[in-house]
Structure formats: structure tokens, C-alpha cells
Protein backbone atom coordinates (compact mmCIF):
# COMPACT_ATOMS: atom_id res chain seq x y z
CA MET A 1 -0.01 0.00 -0.01
CA LYS A 2 1.33 3.46 -0.84
CA GLU A 3 2.16 5.99 1.83
CA GLY A 4 -0.55 8.40 0.57
CA SER A 5 -3.26 5.71 0.68
CA ARG A 6 -2.14 4.75 4.24
CA VAL A 7 -2.40 8.37 5.38
CA ARG A 8 -5.92 8.71 3.87
CA ASP A 9 -7.04 5.46 5.54
CA ARG A 10 -5.75 6.67 8.94
CA ARG A 11 -7.62 10.00 8.49
CA GLU A 12 -10.81 8.13 7.67
CA ASP A 13 -10.29 5.91 10.80
CA LEU A 14 -9.91 9.01 12.96
CA ARG A 15 -13.02 10.59 11.48
CA ARG A 16 -15.01 7.46 12.24
CA LEU A 17 -13.63 7.31 15.74
CA PHE A 18 -14.51 10.94 16.24
CA SER A 19 -18.10 10.28 15.17
CA ARG A 20 -18.42 7.32 17.53
CA VAL A 21 -17.08 9.39 20.49
CA VAL A 22 -19.55 12.11 19.63
CA ASP A 23 -22.39 9.52 19.60
CA THR A 24 -21.24 8.35 22.99
CA LEU A 25 -21.33 11.85 24.46
CA SER A 26 -24.71 12.60 22.81
CA ARG A 27 -26.22 9.50 24.38
CA ALA A 28 -24.81 10.61 27.75
CA GLY A 29 -26.71 13.86 27.42
CA LYS A 30 -23.65 16.01 26.92
CA LYS A 31 -23.31 19.23 24.94
CA TYR A 32 -20.15 19.30 22.99
CA ALA A 33 -18.18 21.38 20.77
CA PRO A 34 -15.34 20.28 18.42
CA LEU A 35 -12.18 22.44 18.41
CA LYS A 36 -10.67 22.72 15.00
CA PHE A 37 -7.66 24.92 15.55
CA PRO A 38 -5.05 24.49 14.59
CA THR A 39 -6.55 23.19 11.36
CA SER A 40 -3.89 20.38 11.14
CA TYR A 41 -4.92 17.48 13.35
CA ARG A 42 -1.32 16.69 14.20
CA GLU A 43 -0.69 20.31 15.57
CA ARG A 44 -3.53 20.61 17.97
CA SER A 45 -4.01 19.18 21.39
CA ILE A 46 -7.80 19.33 22.12
CA ASP A 47 -10.39 17.95 19.78
CA LEU A 48 -13.66 18.13 21.89
CA ILE A 49 -15.01 19.68 24.98
CA ALA A 50 -18.08 18.20 26.55
CA VAL A 51 -20.14 19.52 29.39
CA GLY A 52 -23.47 18.48 31.02
CA LYS A 53 -25.76 19.30 33.94
CA ASP A 54 -24.44 16.30 35.90
CA GLY A 55 -20.94 17.88 36.04
CA LYS A 56 -19.26 14.99 34.19
CA ASN A 57 -17.38 17.23 31.90
CA ALA A 58 -14.46 16.29 29.77
CA VAL A 59 -11.70 17.74 27.56
CA LEU A 60 -10.93 15.12 24.96
CA ARG A 61 -8.22 14.29 22.37
CA ILE A 62 -8.92 11.73 19.68
CA LYS A 63 -5.92 9.56 19.09
CA SER A 64 -4.76 6.93 16.53
CA GLY A 65 -2.15 5.51 19.02
CA SER A 66 -1.48 5.44 22.72
CA ARG A 67 1.36 7.95 22.92
CA ILE A 68 0.45 11.33 24.55
CA THR A 69 2.99 14.17 23.99
CA LYS A 70 3.87 16.48 26.75
CA GLU A 71 2.32 19.40 24.96
CA GLU A 72 -0.90 17.57 24.48
CA ALA A 73 -1.00 16.55 28.04
CA GLU A 74 -0.29 20.02 29.31
CA ASP A 75 -3.02 21.63 27.30
CA LEU A 76 -5.46 18.92 28.33
CA ARG A 77 -4.63 19.23 32.05
CA LYS A 78 -4.85 23.00 32.01
CA ALA A 79 -8.12 23.17 30.13
CA SER A 80 -9.49 20.53 32.35
CA LEU A 81 -8.60 22.44 35.48
CA ALA A 82 -10.25 25.54 34.18
CA LEU A 83 -13.40 23.74 33.22
CA ASP A 84 -13.68 21.42 36.26
CA SER A 85 -13.34 18.52 33.85
CA ILE A 86 -11.13 15.56 33.38
CA PRO A 87 -8.53 15.09 30.54
CA ILE A 88 -9.39 12.16 28.26
CA ALA A 89 -7.56 10.70 25.43
CA VAL A 90 -9.59 8.25 23.33
CA SER A 91 -7.67 5.91 21.03
CA ASP A 92 -8.42 2.95 18.61
CA ASP A 93 -4.98 1.49 19.62
CA PRO A 94 -5.80 -2.41 19.71
CA SER A 95 -3.27 -2.78 22.61
CA LEU A 96 -5.78 -0.91 24.96
CA TYR A 97 -8.00 -3.30 26.93
CA ASP A 98 -11.64 -2.68 27.35
CA ASN A 99 -12.56 -1.38 30.88
CA ILE A 100 -9.13 -0.22 31.65
CA ILE A 101 -8.25 3.47 31.92
CA TYR A 102 -4.55 4.18 31.56
CA GLU A 103 -3.08 7.14 33.31
CA LYS A 104 -0.38 8.75 31.16
CA GLU A 105 1.12 12.22 31.72
CA GLY A 106 -1.80 13.05 33.93
CA VAL A 107 -4.23 12.29 31.17
CA TYR A 108 -6.70 9.37 31.22
CA LEU A 109 -6.34 7.18 28.17
CA MET A 110 -8.94 4.63 27.08
CA ASN A 111 -10.55 3.01 24.06
CA GLU A 112 -14.03 4.01 22.80
CA ARG A 113 -15.81 1.17 24.45
CA THR A 114 -14.35 2.10 27.91
CA LEU A 115 -15.47 5.75 27.20
CA ASP A 116 -19.00 4.41 26.54
CA ASN A 117 -19.01 2.29 29.54
CA LEU A 118 -17.80 5.14 31.71
CA TYR A 119 -20.62 7.50 30.55
CA ASN A 120 -23.49 5.21 29.79
CA LYS A 121 -23.07 1.89 31.53
CA PRO A 122 -22.69 2.42 35.24
CA ASN A 123 -22.85 -1.31 36.06
CA GLU A 124 -19.58 -2.05 34.11
CA ILE A 125 -16.55 -2.63 36.22
CA ILE A 126 -13.67 -0.33 35.12
CA ALA A 127 -10.16 -0.31 36.67
CA LEU A 128 -7.41 2.39 36.55
CA TYR A 129 -4.01 1.27 35.40
CA ARG A 130 -1.22 3.37 36.98
CA LYS A 131 2.45 2.68 37.29
CA GLY A 132 2.13 -1.05 36.73
CA ASP A 133 -0.71 -1.67 38.92
CA LEU A 134 -4.66 -1.91 38.50
CA TYR A 135 -6.77 -0.02 40.95
CA LEU A 136 -10.38 -0.13 42.01
CA VAL A 137 -12.37 2.29 44.42
CA VAL A 138 -12.92 1.53 48.10
CA ASN A 139 -16.63 1.63 49.15
CA ARG A 140 -16.06 3.24 52.59
CA ASP A 141 -19.76 2.86 53.58
CA ALA A 142 -19.81 -0.85 52.86
CA ILE A 143 -16.52 -1.52 54.75
CA LYS A 144 -17.72 0.50 57.71
CA ARG A 145 -21.16 -1.26 57.72
CA GLU A 146 -19.66 -4.75 57.34
CA ARG A 147 -17.11 -4.28 60.04
CA ALA A 148 -19.78 -3.18 62.43
CA ARG A 149 -22.07 -6.05 61.38
CA LYS A 150 -19.22 -8.52 61.96
CA GLU A 151 -18.45 -6.78 65.35
CA MET A 152 -14.81 -6.33 64.33
CA SER A 153 -12.51 -3.87 65.86
CA LEU A 154 -9.97 -2.07 63.71
CA GLY A 155 -7.33 -4.38 65.18
CA ASP A 156 -9.43 -7.41 64.14
CA ALA A 157 -9.71 -6.20 60.61
CA SER A 158 -6.14 -5.21 60.54
CA TYR A 159 -5.08 -8.65 61.50
CA ALA A 160 -7.47 -10.38 59.09
CA LEU A 161 -6.46 -8.23 56.11
CA ASN A 162 -2.70 -7.88 56.92
CA LEU A 163 -3.17 -4.12 56.62
CA SER A 164 -2.42 -1.42 59.21
CA ARG A 165 -5.18 -0.05 61.38
CA LYS A 166 -4.41 3.48 59.95
CA MET A 167 -4.98 2.25 56.44
CA ILE A 168 -8.33 0.66 57.25
CA TYR A 169 -9.33 3.80 59.20
CA THR A 170 -8.59 5.87 56.15
CA TYR A 171 -10.59 3.64 53.90
CA GLU A 172 -13.66 4.10 56.13
CA LYS A 173 -13.26 7.83 56.52
CA GLU A 174 -12.01 8.85 53.06
CA GLY A 175 -12.43 5.95 50.64
CA GLY A 176 -9.71 6.15 47.91
CA MET A 177 -8.27 3.63 45.53
CA VAL A 178 -6.65 0.30 46.24
CA THR A 179 -4.68 -2.16 44.13
CA ILE A 180 -6.41 -5.39 42.84
CA GLU A 181 -4.43 -7.34 45.39
CA THR A 182 -5.80 -5.21 48.36
CA ALA A 183 -9.25 -5.19 46.57
CA GLU A 184 -9.45 -8.98 46.72
CA LYS A 185 -8.64 -8.92 50.37
CA LEU A 186 -11.36 -6.49 51.15
CA VAL A 187 -13.97 -8.44 49.15
CA ASN A 188 -12.98 -11.74 50.83
CA LEU A 189 -13.52 -10.20 54.22
CA PHE A 190 -16.33 -7.69 53.79
CA GLY A 191 -18.07 -8.92 50.57
CA THR A 192 -18.38 -7.71 46.99
CA ASP A 193 -19.66 -4.40 47.91
CA ALA A 194 -16.36 -3.43 49.63
CA VAL A 195 -15.01 -2.14 46.36
CA MET A 196 -16.51 -0.26 43.32
CA SER A 197 -15.70 0.52 39.78
CA VAL A 198 -13.67 3.56 38.89
CA ASN A 199 -16.18 6.21 37.80
CA HIS A 200 -16.05 9.80 36.38
CA GLU A 201 -16.51 11.43 39.88
CA MET A 202 -13.50 9.51 41.25
CA ILE A 203 -11.30 10.27 38.29
CA ARG A 204 -12.15 14.00 38.51
CA GLU A 205 -11.34 14.01 42.25
CA ASP A 206 -8.11 12.09 41.65
CA PHE A 207 -7.14 14.49 38.80
CA MET A 208 -7.99 17.67 40.65
CA ASN A 209 -6.12 16.67 43.74
CA LYS A 210 -2.92 16.04 41.81
CA ALA A 211 -3.22 18.78 39.13
CA ARG A 212 -3.77 21.57 41.59
CA ARG A 213 -0.46 20.75 43.19
CA LYS A 214 1.47 20.46 39.89
CA VAL A 215 -0.20 22.98 37.40
CA GLU A 216 0.20 26.60 38.13
CA ALA A 217 -1.90 29.36 36.67
CA ASP A 218 0.15 31.49 34.31
CA ALA A 219 -1.49 34.85 33.60
CA THR A 220 0.41 37.82 32.28
CA ASP A 221 -0.16 41.25 33.64
CA VAL A 222 -2.36 42.16 30.66
CA ILE A 223 -4.51 39.11 31.20
CA LYS A 224 -4.89 39.84 34.90
CA GLU A 225 -6.10 43.32 34.08
CA ILE A 226 -8.68 42.16 31.57
CA VAL A 227 -10.16 39.40 33.63
CA GLU A 228 -9.89 40.30 37.29
CA GLY A 229 -9.77 37.68 40.00
CA GLY A 230 -9.50 34.60 37.85
CA GLU A 231 -6.89 31.89 37.34
CA ALA A 232 -5.54 32.02 33.75
CA TYR A 233 -4.18 28.81 32.12
CA LYS A 234 -2.20 29.25 28.90
CA LEU A 235 -2.66 26.72 26.06
CA ARG A 236 -0.17 26.20 23.36
CA LYS A 237 -1.87 24.14 20.75
CA SER A 238 -5.55 25.17 20.84
CA ALA A 239 -8.06 27.82 19.83
CA PRO A 240 -7.93 29.77 23.09
CA ASP A 241 -4.62 31.16 24.10
CA TYR A 242 -5.87 31.36 27.76
CA ILE A 243 -8.77 29.95 29.63
CA VAL A 244 -9.47 32.03 32.66
CA LYS A 245 -11.57 30.54 35.54
CA GLY A 246 -13.18 33.08 37.77
CA GLU A 247 -16.87 33.75 38.48
CA ASP A 248 -17.22 32.76 34.84
CA VAL A 249 -14.92 30.87 32.69
CA GLU A 250 -13.77 32.94 29.76
CA THR A 251 -11.42 32.58 26.82
CA VAL A 252 -8.69 34.88 25.68
CA ILE A 253 -6.96 35.12 22.28
CA ASP A 254 -3.70 37.06 22.09
CA ALA A 255 -3.52 38.34 18.48
CA THR A 256 -0.80 40.91 19.15
CA SER A 257 1.81 38.57 17.82
CA LYS A 258 2.80 39.02 14.15
CA GLU A 259 2.94 35.13 13.83
CA PHE A 260 -0.84 35.11 13.65
CA SER A 261 -2.34 35.92 10.21
CA LEU A 262 -5.77 37.57 9.99
CA ARG A 263 -7.15 34.23 8.70
CA LYS A 264 -5.72 32.40 11.76
CA VAL A 265 -7.12 35.06 14.19
CA VAL A 266 -10.52 34.71 12.76
CA LYS A 267 -10.39 31.00 12.90
CA LYS A 268 -9.40 31.01 16.59
CA VAL A 269 -12.21 33.49 17.47
CA THR A 270 -14.96 31.47 15.62
CA GLU A 271 -13.82 28.31 17.45
CA CYS A 272 -13.94 30.07 20.84
CA VAL A 273 -17.33 31.67 20.04
CA LYS A 274 -18.65 28.18 19.47
CA LEU A 275 -17.55 27.18 22.91
CA SER A 276 -18.93 30.33 24.55
CA GLU A 277 -22.43 29.37 23.42
CA PHE A 278 -22.66 26.63 26.07
CA ALA A 279 -19.55 26.71 28.28
CA TRP A 280 -18.19 30.25 28.69
CA SER A 281 -19.51 33.72 28.84
CA ASN A 282 -17.14 35.99 26.83
CA VAL A 283 -14.31 35.79 24.23
CA HIS A 284 -11.64 38.40 24.82
CA LEU A 285 -9.54 39.30 21.83
CA LEU A 286 -6.28 41.17 22.26
CA VAL A 287 -5.18 43.13 19.21
CA THR A 288 -2.78 46.07 18.50
CA PRO A 289 -4.33 49.41 17.68
CA SER A 290 -3.12 49.26 14.08
CA ARG A 291 -4.95 46.02 13.39
CA VAL A 292 -8.13 46.57 15.43
CA GLU A 293 -10.38 47.83 12.60
CA VAL A 294 -9.27 45.28 10.05
CA VAL A 295 -9.95 42.49 12.63
CA ARG A 296 -13.33 43.94 13.57
CA ASP A 297 -14.41 44.18 9.94
CA GLU A 298 -13.39 40.71 9.13
CA LEU A 299 -15.03 39.23 12.21
CA SER A 300 -18.32 41.09 11.55
CA THR A 301 -18.75 38.83 8.39
CA GLN A 302 -18.11 35.59 10.39
CA VAL A 303 -19.55 35.81 13.89
CA SER A 304 -21.71 38.00 16.16
CA LEU A 305 -19.48 40.74 17.58
CA ASN A 306 -21.78 40.69 20.73
CA LYS A 307 -19.78 37.62 21.92
CA ILE A 308 -16.38 39.34 21.51
CA ARG A 309 -14.64 42.01 23.67
CA LEU A 310 -11.88 43.54 21.78
CA HIS A 311 -8.99 45.03 23.70
CA LYS A 312 -6.41 47.35 22.23
CA ILE A 313 -3.00 46.40 23.49
CA ARG A 314 -0.08 48.59 22.41
CA LYS A 315 3.09 46.76 21.63
CA SER A 316 6.51 48.43 22.31
CA SER A 317 7.09 48.39 18.54
CA GLU A 318 4.07 50.68 18.00
CA GLY A 319 5.38 53.19 20.31
């Protein structure tokens, strides 16, 4: 098979996978918006943003393999922090097992069937794979209830499970995740209700706890002036240049750089406006005074200017 034919087949496979992911999100009652900037698939880091009333939001990348680049991971993590979401990569890589979620670079990688089960089939048992081990979720209420029913002290349970008293106390108070080996011990002593499947809420809590310690907001002075009191997260390979989380979540596009042509600026704005219709309130566009009228005129033919706040930013070269 010729190289060009293989590339076309791969693109078609990705388009079909994208459609199936959208179908999964639709059946889960999600509103979603595709992000198509940069226009080249290889150059962007985010393909979809999905939100819903149940709070099970996601920032998604559709992949043909299981490798997640550092730039993809960074953008997915930052956008997810701003949107109270989880960063998900969905791949058709045949090496990915059903009902296993693989944590890579702080992103949750899975195949399409696992995504469907995560959102639409709550009775499926899903495990998290991290650093060589599989994990399930502790059901703290079941452990506490069964220990009381069996009239076992913490010491009794500790001896029976070969686990520390402190660990069992933590399971009852905070829950958390345990390896498959520990899960088997808990099930043998307290019954099948002692552990649960990994679910969206648990993944979100797990992600937020770690990401807040590792990912720092990175607003410039200009961004802080425009959107007061929010945390700004800079994206490198997506339509928004910043997502700012405050009372509302807003997008910022910095068009003051000469590297962005008028065409690129308009594309970035139209993509962000799409998102603002269901996820965010305003789109802020930073432009130099010399370009503001040209940009405004071009945008007026593409989108409603009511959604856009233009900010004139004078660069040092404009004196």
C-alpha cells in the first residue's frame, strides 16, 4: 500500500472514531463542541470539549495511538482544571484493553468502548492502570457497615487483612483507590460491595487533587487586568490562548503577535465563540491598535460581535 493511501485510511479511521465518540457523548446527554484549531490534526492538542448538567465534563483528544505528547498533556490538563473537567484521550489502539483506563502524563487514556461504559453503563466494572498496577475504588460505607455487622474492631480487621489499622481507618473515612491485590482482600472479608468500579467522579477528584499541586496558573499582567480575580491557564496548541477561571470561565486570544495571520485570528475566534455558546461567557481578543479595525471588519462577516470583547494592546514596537 502506498504511503498516501495509508495516510488517507488513517484519517478516515480517525473521522469514524471521532463520530463514535460524539455519539457516546450525545447518548450521555452531553453538550459538546469540536475544536478545529490548529486546522492540522497533528498540531492541535484538544479535539472536543463536553459539558453536562451532571458535571461529568471532559476535555478530549482523539488519538490513533497510545502515545500522549507532553504538549498535548499540558493543554489537556490546564483546560480541564479551568473547566472542572477530566482530561481524556480516546484511542483505537488495539493494545488498549476494554474497561481499563490508563493514566499517562496526568491524562486518562482509554478506548472508545471504555468511554461508552464510563458514561453510559454504570454497572460495568472499570479499573485504573497506573505505574504497573490496576486499581479499584474503596466503598467506605460498605466497609464500615460490614465491620460493624461482624463486630470487628480495627485491630481485628487489621489482623485479618494484613493491613495497618491506620489504612483501614482511612478507607472508612476517606475511601480512595486500592490495588487489585488489596481489593481482593477487602472483598474476601467484607463482601463484593467493599470495592467499586472507577467512575467519572472518582477520576475527577483524583485528577484535581494532583493537578492543583502540579499545574500553576500563568497569567500575564495584561490578562490579569482584563479578567480580574481569575486563574488563567495558557494553552499552546488550541483555539484559546488562555482559559480564565473566575466567577465565569472565559477565553482569551492574544492576536498581538505577528505570527498570527488575519485568517488564523478569525479561525481562533470563531472556534472560541462556538464554545462560549454553552460553556463560557465571553471571548476576549487582544489586538494592537493598528489592526483592530481590520480584525473587527473581518470578524463582523463571520460571527456576532456581541460575543467578543476587543482589547487594544499597544506593543512596544508601535510606540
